[in-house]
Amino acid sequence: MARMVSRQDLDVEVDFYGWCLQDVDDSMVPVSFPEGFEPGAFLTGHEGRLDFASAGHTHTAALAAEVWDGAPAAAGRGDGWDEVAESRISCSSGQLAVWAVAAGPMPAYVQLSDHSAGWRVRAHCRGREAVRELAREGVPEGVERYLVQFWPDDA
């Protein structure tokens, strides 16, 4: 049975309907965010980065990033998630920087590990319809919530 190794709770400043997690080692990212960002796709994996499309234009989302030693139990839309998607990412630095579309990198980092460069990823999101409406009127905080789980690709 898989065991959670760590969990971080971070705020993500979303702008222009998107944000990403990108390897801190820029030399391992051939195309930096936001180049190639697809606003319609919930999760898109690129070399060294993961792009997320938000339902709200400008707001602060809540991110829970979990690192596991193996694949965690899967959760789906029946568990209260609006979106669930999987991908892979290679991260040589062991850290992922949080980026906004226009604002660029934020001071927040997701710490993975030094033990594995290849990771499987499962991303979940809820609060999309609410943030879509609320972001038209203001800049909501914590309405859209993400859970992103990482585990070694070889686990």
N, C-alpha and C. Protein backbone atom coordinates (compact mmCIF):
# COMPACT_ATOMS: atom_id res chain seq x y z
N MET A 1 0.84 -1.18 0.00
CA MET A 1 0.00 0.00 0.00
C MET A 1 0.89 1.25 0.00
N ALA A 2 0.53 2.19 -0.84
CA ALA A 2 1.32 3.42 -0.97
C ALA A 2 1.20 4.27 0.29
N ARG A 3 2.29 5.00 0.56
CA ARG A 3 2.37 5.86 1.75
C ARG A 3 2.70 7.29 1.32
N MET A 4 1.99 8.27 1.90
CA MET A 4 2.28 9.66 1.61
C MET A 4 3.58 10.05 2.30
N VAL A 5 4.50 10.65 1.53
CA VAL A 5 5.80 11.05 2.04
C VAL A 5 5.76 12.50 2.54
N SER A 6 5.06 13.37 1.81
CA SER A 6 4.97 14.77 2.21
C SER A 6 3.74 15.42 1.59
N ARG A 7 3.34 16.53 2.18
CA ARG A 7 2.22 17.32 1.66
C ARG A 7 2.53 18.79 1.89
N GLN A 8 2.28 19.60 0.86
CA GLN A 8 2.44 21.04 0.96
C GLN A 8 1.12 21.68 0.56
N ASP A 9 0.72 22.72 1.28
CA ASP A 9 -0.46 23.51 0.94
C ASP A 9 0.02 24.89 0.53
N LEU A 10 -0.31 25.27 -0.71
CA LEU A 10 0.18 26.53 -1.28
C LEU A 10 -0.97 27.32 -1.90
N ASP A 11 -0.77 28.62 -2.00
CA ASP A 11 -1.68 29.47 -2.76
C ASP A 11 -1.09 29.65 -4.15
N VAL A 12 -1.96 29.62 -5.15
CA VAL A 12 -1.54 29.80 -6.54
C VAL A 12 -2.26 31.02 -7.10
N GLU A 13 -1.49 31.99 -7.56
CA GLU A 13 -2.07 33.18 -8.20
C GLU A 13 -2.33 32.86 -9.67
N VAL A 14 -3.59 32.67 -10.01
CA VAL A 14 -3.99 32.33 -11.37
C VAL A 14 -4.26 33.61 -12.14
N ASP A 15 -3.76 33.68 -13.37
CA ASP A 15 -4.13 34.78 -14.26
C ASP A 15 -4.30 34.22 -15.68
N PHE A 16 -5.14 34.88 -16.45
CA PHE A 16 -5.43 34.46 -17.83
C PHE A 16 -5.79 32.97 -17.91
N TYR A 17 -6.56 32.51 -16.92
CA TYR A 17 -7.09 31.15 -16.89
C TYR A 17 -6.03 30.06 -16.76
N GLY A 18 -4.86 30.37 -16.25
CA GLY A 18 -3.87 29.30 -16.19
C GLY A 18 -2.77 29.49 -15.18
N TRP A 19 -2.06 28.40 -14.97
CA TRP A 19 -0.87 28.36 -14.12
C TRP A 19 -0.12 27.07 -14.44
N CYS A 20 1.08 26.94 -13.91
CA CYS A 20 1.85 25.72 -14.18
C CYS A 20 2.80 25.40 -13.04
N LEU A 21 3.28 24.16 -13.07
CA LEU A 21 4.37 23.70 -12.22
C LEU A 21 5.52 23.38 -13.16
N GLN A 22 6.67 24.01 -12.95
CA GLN A 22 7.80 23.88 -13.88
C GLN A 22 9.08 23.59 -13.12
N ASP A 23 9.89 22.69 -13.66
CA ASP A 23 11.18 22.34 -13.06
C ASP A 23 11.98 23.62 -12.79
N VAL A 24 12.51 23.73 -11.58
CA VAL A 24 13.31 24.90 -11.20
C VAL A 24 14.55 25.00 -12.08
N ASP A 25 15.07 23.88 -12.55
CA ASP A 25 16.23 23.87 -13.45
C ASP A 25 15.75 24.20 -14.86
N ASP A 26 15.79 25.49 -15.21
CA ASP A 26 15.30 25.96 -16.52
C ASP A 26 16.00 25.30 -17.69
N SER A 27 17.23 24.83 -17.49
CA SER A 27 17.96 24.20 -18.59
C SER A 27 17.32 22.88 -19.01
N MET A 28 16.45 22.31 -18.16
CA MET A 28 15.79 21.05 -18.46
C MET A 28 14.38 21.26 -19.02
N VAL A 29 14.02 22.53 -19.26
CA VAL A 29 12.69 22.87 -19.78
C VAL A 29 12.88 23.51 -21.14
N PRO A 30 12.70 22.74 -22.24
CA PRO A 30 12.95 23.29 -23.57
C PRO A 30 12.05 24.47 -23.94
N VAL A 31 10.81 24.46 -23.44
CA VAL A 31 9.87 25.53 -23.74
C VAL A 31 9.25 25.98 -22.42
N SER A 32 9.62 27.19 -21.98
CA SER A 32 9.12 27.70 -20.70
C SER A 32 7.68 28.17 -20.80
N PHE A 33 6.99 28.07 -19.68
CA PHE A 33 5.62 28.56 -19.56
C PHE A 33 5.61 30.07 -19.73
N PRO A 34 4.64 30.64 -20.41
CA PRO A 34 3.39 30.08 -20.91
C PRO A 34 3.40 29.64 -22.37
N GLU A 35 4.56 29.61 -23.00
CA GLU A 35 4.60 29.20 -24.41
C GLU A 35 3.99 27.81 -24.56
N GLY A 36 3.06 27.67 -25.49
CA GLY A 36 2.41 26.39 -25.74
C GLY A 36 1.26 26.09 -24.79
N PHE A 37 0.91 27.02 -23.91
CA PHE A 37 -0.19 26.81 -22.98
C PHE A 37 -1.50 26.71 -23.73
N GLU A 38 -2.30 25.69 -23.40
CA GLU A 38 -3.60 25.46 -24.03
C GLU A 38 -4.68 25.72 -22.98
N PRO A 39 -5.36 26.87 -23.03
CA PRO A 39 -6.32 27.21 -21.99
C PRO A 39 -7.51 26.25 -21.86
N GLY A 40 -7.81 25.46 -22.86
CA GLY A 40 -8.97 24.57 -22.79
C GLY A 40 -8.71 23.25 -22.11
N ALA A 41 -7.47 22.82 -22.01
CA ALA A 41 -7.15 21.50 -21.45
C ALA A 41 -6.86 21.63 -19.95
N PHE A 42 -7.55 20.85 -19.12
CA PHE A 42 -7.37 20.93 -17.67
C PHE A 42 -5.91 20.69 -17.28
N LEU A 43 -5.29 19.63 -17.79
CA LEU A 43 -3.89 19.31 -17.48
C LEU A 43 -3.18 18.92 -18.77
N THR A 44 -2.07 19.58 -19.03
CA THR A 44 -1.25 19.26 -20.19
C THR A 44 0.20 19.11 -19.74
N GLY A 45 0.78 17.96 -20.04
CA GLY A 45 2.18 17.72 -19.69
C GLY A 45 3.10 18.12 -20.83
N HIS A 46 4.16 18.83 -20.49
CA HIS A 46 5.22 19.20 -21.42
C HIS A 46 6.53 18.73 -20.79
N GLU A 47 7.60 18.78 -21.54
CA GLU A 47 8.91 18.41 -21.00
C GLU A 47 9.26 19.37 -19.87
N GLY A 48 9.34 18.87 -18.63
CA GLY A 48 9.74 19.67 -17.49
C GLY A 48 8.67 20.56 -16.89
N ARG A 49 7.42 20.42 -17.36
CA ARG A 49 6.37 21.28 -16.79
C ARG A 49 4.99 20.65 -16.95
N LEU A 50 4.09 21.10 -16.08
CA LEU A 50 2.69 20.69 -16.11
C LEU A 50 1.84 21.95 -16.18
N ASP A 51 1.02 22.08 -17.21
CA ASP A 51 0.15 23.25 -17.36
C ASP A 51 -1.25 22.91 -16.88
N PHE A 52 -1.86 23.86 -16.16
CA PHE A 52 -3.21 23.70 -15.65
C PHE A 52 -4.09 24.82 -16.18
N ALA A 53 -5.25 24.46 -16.73
CA ALA A 53 -6.23 25.45 -17.18
C ALA A 53 -7.26 25.63 -16.08
N SER A 54 -7.42 26.85 -15.65
CA SER A 54 -8.37 27.18 -14.59
C SER A 54 -9.70 27.59 -15.20
N ALA A 55 -10.75 27.56 -14.40
CA ALA A 55 -12.07 28.00 -14.86
C ALA A 55 -12.26 29.50 -14.63
N GLY A 56 -11.38 30.13 -13.86
CA GLY A 56 -11.50 31.56 -13.58
C GLY A 56 -10.32 32.34 -14.15
N HIS A 57 -10.59 33.56 -14.60
CA HIS A 57 -9.55 34.38 -15.23
C HIS A 57 -8.47 34.79 -14.23
N THR A 58 -8.84 35.47 -13.16
CA THR A 58 -7.88 35.97 -12.18
C THR A 58 -8.40 35.67 -10.78
N HIS A 59 -7.64 34.89 -10.02
CA HIS A 59 -8.04 34.54 -8.67
C HIS A 59 -6.89 33.82 -7.97
N THR A 60 -7.08 33.51 -6.71
CA THR A 60 -6.11 32.73 -5.94
C THR A 60 -6.70 31.35 -5.71
N ALA A 61 -6.05 30.33 -6.22
CA ALA A 61 -6.50 28.95 -6.04
C ALA A 61 -5.71 28.33 -4.89
N ALA A 62 -6.27 27.29 -4.32
CA ALA A 62 -5.59 26.53 -3.26
C ALA A 62 -5.02 25.26 -3.88
N LEU A 63 -3.76 24.98 -3.59
CA LEU A 63 -3.08 23.80 -4.11
C LEU A 63 -2.58 22.95 -2.95
N ALA A 64 -2.96 21.68 -2.96
CA ALA A 64 -2.37 20.69 -2.06
C ALA A 64 -1.51 19.79 -2.94
N ALA A 65 -0.21 19.76 -2.69
CA ALA A 65 0.72 18.92 -3.46
C ALA A 65 1.20 17.80 -2.55
N GLU A 66 0.94 16.57 -2.97
CA GLU A 66 1.32 15.40 -2.18
C GLU A 66 2.35 14.58 -2.93
N VAL A 67 3.35 14.10 -2.20
CA VAL A 67 4.35 13.19 -2.75
C VAL A 67 4.13 11.84 -2.08
N TRP A 68 4.05 10.79 -2.89
CA TRP A 68 3.79 9.43 -2.42
C TRP A 68 4.95 8.53 -2.82
N ASP A 69 5.10 7.42 -2.12
CA ASP A 69 6.14 6.45 -2.49
C ASP A 69 5.64 5.44 -3.52
N GLY A 70 4.37 5.47 -3.85
CA GLY A 70 3.74 4.62 -4.85
C GLY A 70 2.42 5.25 -5.26
N ALA A 71 1.71 4.63 -6.17
CA ALA A 71 0.45 5.20 -6.67
C ALA A 71 -0.59 5.26 -5.55
N PRO A 72 -1.11 6.46 -5.24
CA PRO A 72 -2.18 6.56 -4.24
C PRO A 72 -3.49 6.04 -4.82
N ALA A 73 -4.43 5.75 -3.94
CA ALA A 73 -5.76 5.31 -4.39
C ALA A 73 -6.37 6.39 -5.27
N ALA A 74 -6.98 5.96 -6.35
CA ALA A 74 -7.56 6.91 -7.31
C ALA A 74 -8.89 7.45 -6.80
N ALA A 75 -9.12 8.72 -7.04
CA ALA A 75 -10.39 9.37 -6.74
C ALA A 75 -10.91 9.95 -8.06
N GLY A 76 -12.21 10.06 -8.18
CA GLY A 76 -12.78 10.55 -9.43
C GLY A 76 -13.86 11.57 -9.22
N ARG A 77 -14.61 11.83 -10.26
CA ARG A 77 -15.68 12.82 -10.20
C ARG A 77 -16.75 12.43 -9.18
N GLY A 78 -16.95 11.14 -9.00
CA GLY A 78 -17.91 10.68 -8.01
C GLY A 78 -17.49 11.02 -6.59
N ASP A 79 -16.23 11.38 -6.40
CA ASP A 79 -15.71 11.75 -5.09
C ASP A 79 -15.72 13.27 -4.87
N GLY A 80 -16.46 13.99 -5.69
CA GLY A 80 -16.58 15.43 -5.52
C GLY A 80 -15.61 16.26 -6.33
N TRP A 81 -14.85 15.64 -7.22
CA TRP A 81 -13.91 16.38 -8.06
C TRP A 81 -14.55 16.72 -9.39
N ASP A 82 -14.36 17.96 -9.85
CA ASP A 82 -14.88 18.38 -11.15
C ASP A 82 -14.04 17.84 -12.30
N GLU A 83 -12.73 17.75 -12.06
CA GLU A 83 -11.78 17.27 -13.07
C GLU A 83 -10.76 16.36 -12.40
N VAL A 84 -10.37 15.31 -13.11
CA VAL A 84 -9.28 14.44 -12.68
C VAL A 84 -8.51 14.06 -13.94
N ALA A 85 -7.20 14.19 -13.92
CA ALA A 85 -6.38 13.85 -15.08
C ALA A 85 -5.02 13.36 -14.61
N GLU A 86 -4.36 12.57 -15.45
CA GLU A 86 -3.03 12.06 -15.13
C GLU A 86 -2.03 12.45 -16.21
N SER A 87 -0.77 12.52 -15.79
CA SER A 87 0.32 12.85 -16.69
C SER A 87 1.61 12.32 -16.10
N ARG A 88 2.72 12.69 -16.72
CA ARG A 88 4.07 12.39 -16.22
C ARG A 88 4.89 13.67 -16.32
N ILE A 89 5.93 13.73 -15.48
CA ILE A 89 6.85 14.86 -15.56
C ILE A 89 8.24 14.39 -15.17
N SER A 90 9.23 14.94 -15.86
CA SER A 90 10.63 14.73 -15.51
C SER A 90 11.09 15.99 -14.80
N CYS A 91 11.71 15.82 -13.64
CA CYS A 91 12.13 16.98 -12.84
C CYS A 91 13.51 16.69 -12.25
N SER A 92 14.54 17.16 -12.91
CA SER A 92 15.91 16.87 -12.47
C SER A 92 16.30 17.59 -11.18
N SER A 93 15.70 18.75 -10.92
CA SER A 93 16.07 19.53 -9.74
C SER A 93 15.40 19.02 -8.46
N GLY A 94 14.31 18.29 -8.59
CA GLY A 94 13.56 17.84 -7.42
C GLY A 94 12.60 18.89 -6.89
N GLN A 95 12.54 20.05 -7.55
CA GLN A 95 11.63 21.12 -7.15
C GLN A 95 10.88 21.64 -8.36
N LEU A 96 9.60 21.95 -8.16
CA LEU A 96 8.78 22.55 -9.20
C LEU A 96 8.37 23.95 -8.76
N ALA A 97 8.64 24.93 -9.61
CA ALA A 97 8.22 26.31 -9.33
C ALA A 97 6.79 26.48 -9.81
N VAL A 98 6.04 27.31 -9.09
CA VAL A 98 4.67 27.64 -9.47
C VAL A 98 4.73 28.90 -10.33
N TRP A 99 4.10 28.84 -11.51
CA TRP A 99 4.11 29.96 -12.45
C TRP A 99 2.69 30.40 -12.78
N ALA A 100 2.52 31.70 -12.98
CA ALA A 100 1.28 32.26 -13.52
C ALA A 100 1.54 32.62 -14.98
N VAL A 101 0.48 32.75 -15.76
CA VAL A 101 0.62 33.04 -17.19
C VAL A 101 1.36 34.36 -17.42
N ALA A 102 0.85 35.45 -16.87
CA ALA A 102 1.47 36.76 -17.09
C ALA A 102 2.46 37.14 -15.99
N ALA A 103 2.17 36.76 -14.76
CA ALA A 103 3.00 37.17 -13.62
C ALA A 103 4.31 36.39 -13.52
N GLY A 104 4.39 35.24 -14.20
CA GLY A 104 5.62 34.46 -14.18
C GLY A 104 5.77 33.64 -12.91
N PRO A 105 7.02 33.33 -12.53
CA PRO A 105 7.24 32.46 -11.37
C PRO A 105 6.86 33.14 -10.05
N MET A 106 6.28 32.35 -9.17
CA MET A 106 5.91 32.82 -7.84
C MET A 106 6.97 32.33 -6.86
N PRO A 107 6.97 32.84 -5.65
CA PRO A 107 7.96 32.39 -4.67
C PRO A 107 7.65 31.01 -4.08
N ALA A 108 6.62 30.34 -4.58
CA ALA A 108 6.22 29.04 -4.05
C ALA A 108 6.86 27.90 -4.86
N TYR A 109 7.29 26.85 -4.15
CA TYR A 109 7.88 25.68 -4.79
C TYR A 109 7.25 24.42 -4.24
N VAL A 110 7.11 23.42 -5.10
CA VAL A 110 6.70 22.09 -4.66
C VAL A 110 7.98 21.26 -4.57
N GLN A 111 8.26 20.75 -3.38
CA GLN A 111 9.45 19.92 -3.16
C GLN A 111 9.09 18.47 -3.43
N LEU A 112 9.73 17.87 -4.43
CA LEU A 112 9.49 16.47 -4.75
C LEU A 112 10.49 15.61 -3.98
N SER A 113 11.65 15.35 -4.56
CA SER A 113 12.65 14.51 -3.92
C SER A 113 13.90 14.53 -4.77
N ASP A 114 15.00 14.11 -4.19
CA ASP A 114 16.24 13.97 -4.95
C ASP A 114 16.40 12.55 -5.48
N HIS A 115 15.50 11.65 -5.13
CA HIS A 115 15.67 10.23 -5.44
C HIS A 115 15.18 9.82 -6.82
N SER A 116 14.26 10.55 -7.41
CA SER A 116 13.68 10.15 -8.68
C SER A 116 13.49 11.37 -9.57
N ALA A 117 13.88 11.28 -10.82
CA ALA A 117 13.70 12.38 -11.75
C ALA A 117 12.38 12.26 -12.51
N GLY A 118 11.85 11.03 -12.60
CA GLY A 118 10.61 10.80 -13.33
C GLY A 118 9.45 10.58 -12.38
N TRP A 119 8.34 11.27 -12.65
CA TRP A 119 7.19 11.23 -11.75
C TRP A 119 5.90 10.99 -12.53
N ARG A 120 5.03 10.21 -11.94
CA ARG A 120 3.64 10.10 -12.38
C ARG A 120 2.88 11.17 -11.61
N VAL A 121 1.81 11.68 -12.22
CA VAL A 121 1.06 12.78 -11.63
C VAL A 121 -0.43 12.52 -11.81
N ARG A 122 -1.18 12.74 -10.75
CA ARG A 122 -2.64 12.73 -10.83
C ARG A 122 -3.13 14.06 -10.26
N ALA A 123 -3.86 14.81 -11.06
CA ALA A 123 -4.36 16.12 -10.64
C ALA A 123 -5.88 16.09 -10.52
N HIS A 124 -6.37 16.73 -9.47
CA HIS A 124 -7.80 16.84 -9.19
C HIS A 124 -8.14 18.31 -9.02
N CYS A 125 -9.37 18.67 -9.34
CA CYS A 125 -9.80 20.05 -9.13
C CYS A 125 -11.29 20.08 -8.79
N ARG A 126 -11.65 21.00 -7.88
CA ARG A 126 -13.06 21.24 -7.57
C ARG A 126 -13.27 22.75 -7.42
N GLY A 127 -14.53 23.17 -7.49
CA GLY A 127 -14.86 24.60 -7.36
C GLY A 127 -14.78 25.35 -8.67
N ARG A 128 -14.77 24.65 -9.78
CA ARG A 128 -14.59 25.30 -11.08
C ARG A 128 -15.78 26.16 -11.48
N GLU A 129 -16.98 25.66 -11.31
CA GLU A 129 -18.16 26.45 -11.68
C GLU A 129 -18.29 27.69 -10.81
N ALA A 130 -18.04 27.54 -9.52
CA ALA A 130 -18.13 28.69 -8.60
C ALA A 130 -17.10 29.75 -8.95
N VAL A 131 -15.85 29.35 -9.23
CA VAL A 131 -14.82 30.35 -9.54
C VAL A 131 -15.09 31.01 -10.89
N ARG A 132 -15.68 30.26 -11.82
CA ARG A 132 -16.03 30.84 -13.12
C ARG A 132 -16.96 32.04 -12.92
N GLU A 133 -17.96 31.87 -12.06
CA GLU A 133 -18.93 32.95 -11.79
C GLU A 133 -18.30 34.07 -10.95
N LEU A 134 -17.65 33.71 -9.85
CA LEU A 134 -17.12 34.70 -8.93
C LEU A 134 -16.00 35.54 -9.53
N ALA A 135 -15.19 34.96 -10.42
CA ALA A 135 -14.07 35.70 -11.03
C ALA A 135 -14.56 36.75 -12.02
N ARG A 136 -15.81 36.68 -12.42
CA ARG A 136 -16.38 37.72 -13.30
C ARG A 136 -16.64 39.00 -12.53
N GLU A 137 -16.82 38.88 -11.23
CA GLU A 137 -17.18 40.01 -10.38
C GLU A 137 -16.02 40.53 -9.54
N GLY A 138 -15.01 39.68 -9.29
CA GLY A 138 -13.92 40.08 -8.41
C GLY A 138 -12.76 39.11 -8.51
N VAL A 139 -11.98 39.03 -7.45
CA VAL A 139 -10.81 38.17 -7.40
C VAL A 139 -10.98 37.23 -6.20
N PRO A 140 -11.68 36.11 -6.40
CA PRO A 140 -11.94 35.21 -5.28
C PRO A 140 -10.67 34.49 -4.80
N GLU A 141 -10.72 34.03 -3.56
CA GLU A 141 -9.59 33.31 -2.97
C GLU A 141 -10.03 31.94 -2.47
N GLY A 142 -9.31 30.90 -2.86
CA GLY A 142 -9.52 29.56 -2.35
C GLY A 142 -10.78 28.85 -2.81
N VAL A 143 -11.45 29.38 -3.83
CA VAL A 143 -12.68 28.76 -4.32
C VAL A 143 -12.34 27.56 -5.19
N GLU A 144 -11.40 27.74 -6.11
CA GLU A 144 -10.94 26.62 -6.93
C GLU A 144 -9.82 25.93 -6.15
N ARG A 145 -9.96 24.60 -6.00
CA ARG A 145 -9.02 23.83 -5.17
C ARG A 145 -8.43 22.69 -5.98
N TYR A 146 -7.11 22.57 -5.91
CA TYR A 146 -6.38 21.54 -6.63
C TYR A 146 -5.71 20.58 -5.65
N LEU A 147 -5.74 19.31 -5.99
CA LEU A 147 -4.94 18.29 -5.32
C LEU A 147 -4.09 17.66 -6.41
N VAL A 148 -2.77 17.77 -6.27
CA VAL A 148 -1.86 17.19 -7.26
C VAL A 148 -0.97 16.19 -6.52
N GLN A 149 -1.05 14.95 -6.96
CA GLN A 149 -0.32 13.85 -6.32
C GLN A 149 0.81 13.39 -7.24
N PHE A 150 2.00 13.19 -6.67
CA PHE A 150 3.18 12.75 -7.38
C PHE A 150 3.67 11.44 -6.78
N TRP A 151 4.12 10.53 -7.63
CA TRP A 151 4.79 9.32 -7.16
C TRP A 151 5.83 8.91 -8.18
N PRO A 152 6.90 8.23 -7.76
CA PRO A 152 7.97 7.87 -8.69
C PRO A 152 7.45 7.06 -9.86
N ASP A 153 7.96 7.39 -11.04
CA ASP A 153 7.52 6.73 -12.27
C ASP A 153 7.87 5.25 -12.27
N ASP A 154 8.85 4.87 -11.48
CA ASP A 154 9.27 3.47 -11.46
C ASP A 154 8.61 2.68 -10.32
N ALA A 155 7.69 3.32 -9.56
CA ALA A 155 7.03 2.64 -8.43
C ALA A 155 5.92 1.71 -8.92
